[in-house]
Amino acid sequence: MSAYQKISCEDHSIYELVIMRAQSMMVAIDGKIVRIKPIDIVTKDGAEFLIFIDEFNHQQKIRADLIIIQK
């Protein structure tokens, strides 16, 4: 896996707002656009991870820099 690239303050704020409002959002993961429901953003070993519910109602965790927010 590639080295972690810090996400922008804007993206971090978007995640926090969506989490607080219990909303879903469109993102690109591995080039595929999907709807997710973020539930937390955490830091571990210097990298940020987004914990979310996927389109199949499964909880997942992914490094935040591997997600592209569809604005």
N, C-alpha and C. Protein backbone atom coordinates (compact mmCIF):
# COMPACT_ATOMS: atom_id res chain seq x y z
N MET A 1 0.86 -1.18 0.00
CA MET A 1 0.00 0.00 0.00
C MET A 1 0.90 1.23 0.00
N SER A 2 0.47 2.27 -0.65
CA SER A 2 1.25 3.50 -0.75
C SER A 2 1.29 4.25 0.58
N ALA A 3 2.25 5.16 0.70
CA ALA A 3 2.38 5.97 1.91
C ALA A 3 1.15 6.86 2.06
N TYR A 4 0.77 7.09 3.31
CA TYR A 4 -0.40 7.91 3.60
C TYR A 4 -0.17 9.35 3.17
N GLN A 5 -1.17 9.92 2.51
CA GLN A 5 -1.18 11.34 2.12
C GLN A 5 -2.27 12.04 2.93
N LYS A 6 -1.88 13.01 3.74
CA LYS A 6 -2.84 13.71 4.59
C LYS A 6 -3.99 14.27 3.75
N ILE A 7 -5.22 14.11 4.25
CA ILE A 7 -6.38 14.65 3.53
C ILE A 7 -6.50 16.14 3.84
N SER A 8 -7.21 16.84 2.98
CA SER A 8 -7.36 18.29 3.16
C SER A 8 -8.27 18.58 4.36
N CYS A 9 -8.10 19.75 4.92
CA CYS A 9 -8.97 20.20 6.02
C CYS A 9 -10.42 20.25 5.55
N GLU A 10 -10.63 20.65 4.29
CA GLU A 10 -11.98 20.72 3.73
C GLU A 10 -12.64 19.34 3.72
N ASP A 11 -11.90 18.33 3.25
CA ASP A 11 -12.46 16.97 3.21
C ASP A 11 -12.75 16.47 4.63
N HIS A 12 -11.84 16.73 5.56
CA HIS A 12 -12.04 16.31 6.94
C HIS A 12 -13.30 16.96 7.51
N SER A 13 -13.49 18.24 7.24
CA SER A 13 -14.69 18.95 7.71
C SER A 13 -15.96 18.38 7.09
N ILE A 14 -15.89 18.02 5.82
CA ILE A 14 -17.06 17.42 5.15
C ILE A 14 -17.42 16.11 5.85
N TYR A 15 -16.42 15.26 6.11
CA TYR A 15 -16.69 14.00 6.80
C TYR A 15 -17.32 14.24 8.17
N GLU A 16 -16.76 15.18 8.93
CA GLU A 16 -17.30 15.46 10.27
C GLU A 16 -18.75 15.93 10.21
N LEU A 17 -19.06 16.80 9.27
CA LEU A 17 -20.42 17.31 9.13
C LEU A 17 -21.39 16.20 8.74
N VAL A 18 -21.00 15.37 7.78
CA VAL A 18 -21.86 14.27 7.35
C VAL A 18 -22.09 13.28 8.50
N ILE A 19 -21.04 13.02 9.28
CA ILE A 19 -21.16 12.12 10.43
C ILE A 19 -22.12 12.71 11.46
N MET A 20 -21.94 13.99 11.79
CA MET A 20 -22.81 14.63 12.79
C MET A 20 -24.27 14.64 12.36
N ARG A 21 -24.53 14.78 11.08
CA ARG A 21 -25.90 14.83 10.56
C ARG A 21 -26.45 13.44 10.22
N ALA A 22 -25.62 12.40 10.40
CA ALA A 22 -26.02 11.01 10.09
C ALA A 22 -26.54 10.90 8.65
N GLN A 23 -25.81 11.53 7.73
CA GLN A 23 -26.19 11.52 6.32
C GLN A 23 -25.35 10.52 5.55
N SER A 24 -25.71 10.32 4.31
CA SER A 24 -24.89 9.52 3.41
C SER A 24 -24.28 10.47 2.38
N MET A 25 -23.30 9.95 1.64
CA MET A 25 -22.62 10.77 0.66
C MET A 25 -22.09 9.90 -0.47
N MET A 26 -21.81 10.52 -1.60
CA MET A 26 -21.24 9.82 -2.74
C MET A 26 -19.72 10.02 -2.72
N VAL A 27 -19.01 8.90 -2.90
CA VAL A 27 -17.55 8.93 -2.95
C VAL A 27 -17.07 7.97 -4.03
N ALA A 28 -15.82 8.11 -4.41
CA ALA A 28 -15.18 7.15 -5.30
C ALA A 28 -14.16 6.36 -4.49
N ILE A 29 -14.28 5.05 -4.55
CA ILE A 29 -13.33 4.13 -3.90
C ILE A 29 -12.87 3.17 -4.97
N ASP A 30 -11.57 3.10 -5.19
CA ASP A 30 -11.00 2.24 -6.24
C ASP A 30 -11.63 2.52 -7.60
N GLY A 31 -11.92 3.79 -7.88
CA GLY A 31 -12.48 4.18 -9.17
C GLY A 31 -13.98 3.94 -9.33
N LYS A 32 -14.61 3.36 -8.30
CA LYS A 32 -16.05 3.08 -8.37
C LYS A 32 -16.80 4.09 -7.50
N ILE A 33 -17.83 4.70 -8.06
CA ILE A 33 -18.63 5.66 -7.29
C ILE A 33 -19.70 4.90 -6.52
N VAL A 34 -19.72 5.14 -5.20
CA VAL A 34 -20.64 4.45 -4.31
C VAL A 34 -21.22 5.42 -3.29
N ARG A 35 -22.37 5.05 -2.74
CA ARG A 35 -22.98 5.84 -1.66
C ARG A 35 -22.61 5.15 -0.35
N ILE A 36 -22.08 5.95 0.59
CA ILE A 36 -21.71 5.43 1.90
C ILE A 36 -22.33 6.30 3.00
N LYS A 37 -22.39 5.75 4.20
CA LYS A 37 -22.83 6.52 5.36
C LYS A 37 -21.69 6.52 6.37
N PRO A 38 -20.88 7.60 6.40
CA PRO A 38 -19.78 7.67 7.35
C PRO A 38 -20.30 7.68 8.79
N ILE A 39 -19.62 6.95 9.67
CA ILE A 39 -20.03 6.94 11.08
C ILE A 39 -18.92 7.41 12.02
N ASP A 40 -17.67 7.45 11.54
CA ASP A 40 -16.58 7.96 12.38
C ASP A 40 -15.34 8.16 11.52
N ILE A 41 -14.47 9.05 11.97
CA ILE A 41 -13.16 9.21 11.36
C ILE A 41 -12.16 9.15 12.49
N VAL A 42 -11.19 8.24 12.37
CA VAL A 42 -10.24 7.99 13.46
C VAL A 42 -8.81 8.08 12.93
N THR A 43 -7.89 8.33 13.85
CA THR A 43 -6.47 8.38 13.51
C THR A 43 -5.77 7.21 14.16
N LYS A 44 -4.95 6.51 13.38
CA LYS A 44 -4.16 5.40 13.89
C LYS A 44 -2.83 5.38 13.17
N ASP A 45 -1.76 5.34 13.94
CA ASP A 45 -0.40 5.29 13.37
C ASP A 45 -0.15 6.42 12.38
N GLY A 46 -0.67 7.62 12.68
CA GLY A 46 -0.43 8.78 11.85
C GLY A 46 -1.28 8.89 10.60
N ALA A 47 -2.23 7.98 10.42
CA ALA A 47 -3.11 8.02 9.25
C ALA A 47 -4.56 8.12 9.71
N GLU A 48 -5.39 8.77 8.90
CA GLU A 48 -6.82 8.88 9.20
C GLU A 48 -7.58 7.79 8.46
N PHE A 49 -8.54 7.21 9.15
CA PHE A 49 -9.38 6.15 8.59
C PHE A 49 -10.84 6.54 8.73
N LEU A 50 -11.60 6.31 7.68
CA LEU A 50 -13.04 6.56 7.70
C LEU A 50 -13.74 5.24 7.96
N ILE A 51 -14.59 5.22 8.96
CA ILE A 51 -15.44 4.06 9.24
C ILE A 51 -16.82 4.40 8.70
N PHE A 52 -17.37 3.50 7.90
CA PHE A 52 -18.63 3.80 7.22
C PHE A 52 -19.46 2.55 7.02
N ILE A 53 -20.73 2.78 6.70
CA ILE A 53 -21.65 1.72 6.31
C ILE A 53 -21.74 1.76 4.79
N ASP A 54 -21.47 0.62 4.15
CA ASP A 54 -21.48 0.59 2.69
C ASP A 54 -22.89 0.36 2.14
N GLU A 55 -22.98 0.26 0.83
CA GLU A 55 -24.27 0.13 0.15
C GLU A 55 -24.97 -1.19 0.46
N PHE A 56 -24.24 -2.15 1.06
CA PHE A 56 -24.82 -3.44 1.44
C PHE A 56 -25.07 -3.54 2.94
N ASN A 57 -24.99 -2.37 3.61
CA ASN A 57 -25.23 -2.25 5.05
C ASN A 57 -24.16 -2.96 5.89
N HIS A 58 -22.93 -3.03 5.36
CA HIS A 58 -21.80 -3.60 6.08
C HIS A 58 -20.88 -2.48 6.57
N GLN A 59 -20.38 -2.61 7.78
CA GLN A 59 -19.43 -1.62 8.29
C GLN A 59 -18.04 -1.91 7.72
N GLN A 60 -17.38 -0.85 7.26
CA GLN A 60 -16.03 -0.96 6.70
C GLN A 60 -15.15 0.15 7.24
N LYS A 61 -13.85 -0.03 7.10
CA LYS A 61 -12.89 1.01 7.47
C LYS A 61 -11.88 1.10 6.33
N ILE A 62 -11.59 2.33 5.89
CA ILE A 62 -10.65 2.54 4.80
C ILE A 62 -9.82 3.77 5.10
N ARG A 63 -8.58 3.74 4.66
CA ARG A 63 -7.73 4.91 4.83
C ARG A 63 -8.35 6.08 4.08
N ALA A 64 -8.46 7.22 4.74
CA ALA A 64 -9.20 8.36 4.20
C ALA A 64 -8.60 8.90 2.90
N ASP A 65 -7.30 8.75 2.71
CA ASP A 65 -6.70 9.28 1.48
C ASP A 65 -6.98 8.42 0.25
N LEU A 66 -7.62 7.29 0.45
CA LEU A 66 -7.97 6.41 -0.68
C LEU A 66 -9.39 6.66 -1.18
N ILE A 67 -10.05 7.68 -0.61
CA ILE A 67 -11.42 8.03 -0.97
C ILE A 67 -11.44 9.39 -1.65
N ILE A 68 -12.23 9.52 -2.69
CA ILE A 68 -12.41 10.81 -3.35
C ILE A 68 -13.87 11.22 -3.16
N ILE A 69 -14.08 12.32 -2.47
CA ILE A 69 -15.43 12.83 -2.24
C ILE A 69 -15.98 13.37 -3.55
N GLN A 70 -17.19 12.98 -3.90
CA GLN A 70 -17.87 13.48 -5.09
C GLN A 70 -18.66 14.72 -4.70
N LYS A 71 -18.15 15.88 -5.05
CA LYS A 71 -18.75 17.16 -4.63
C LYS A 71 -19.72 17.68 -5.65
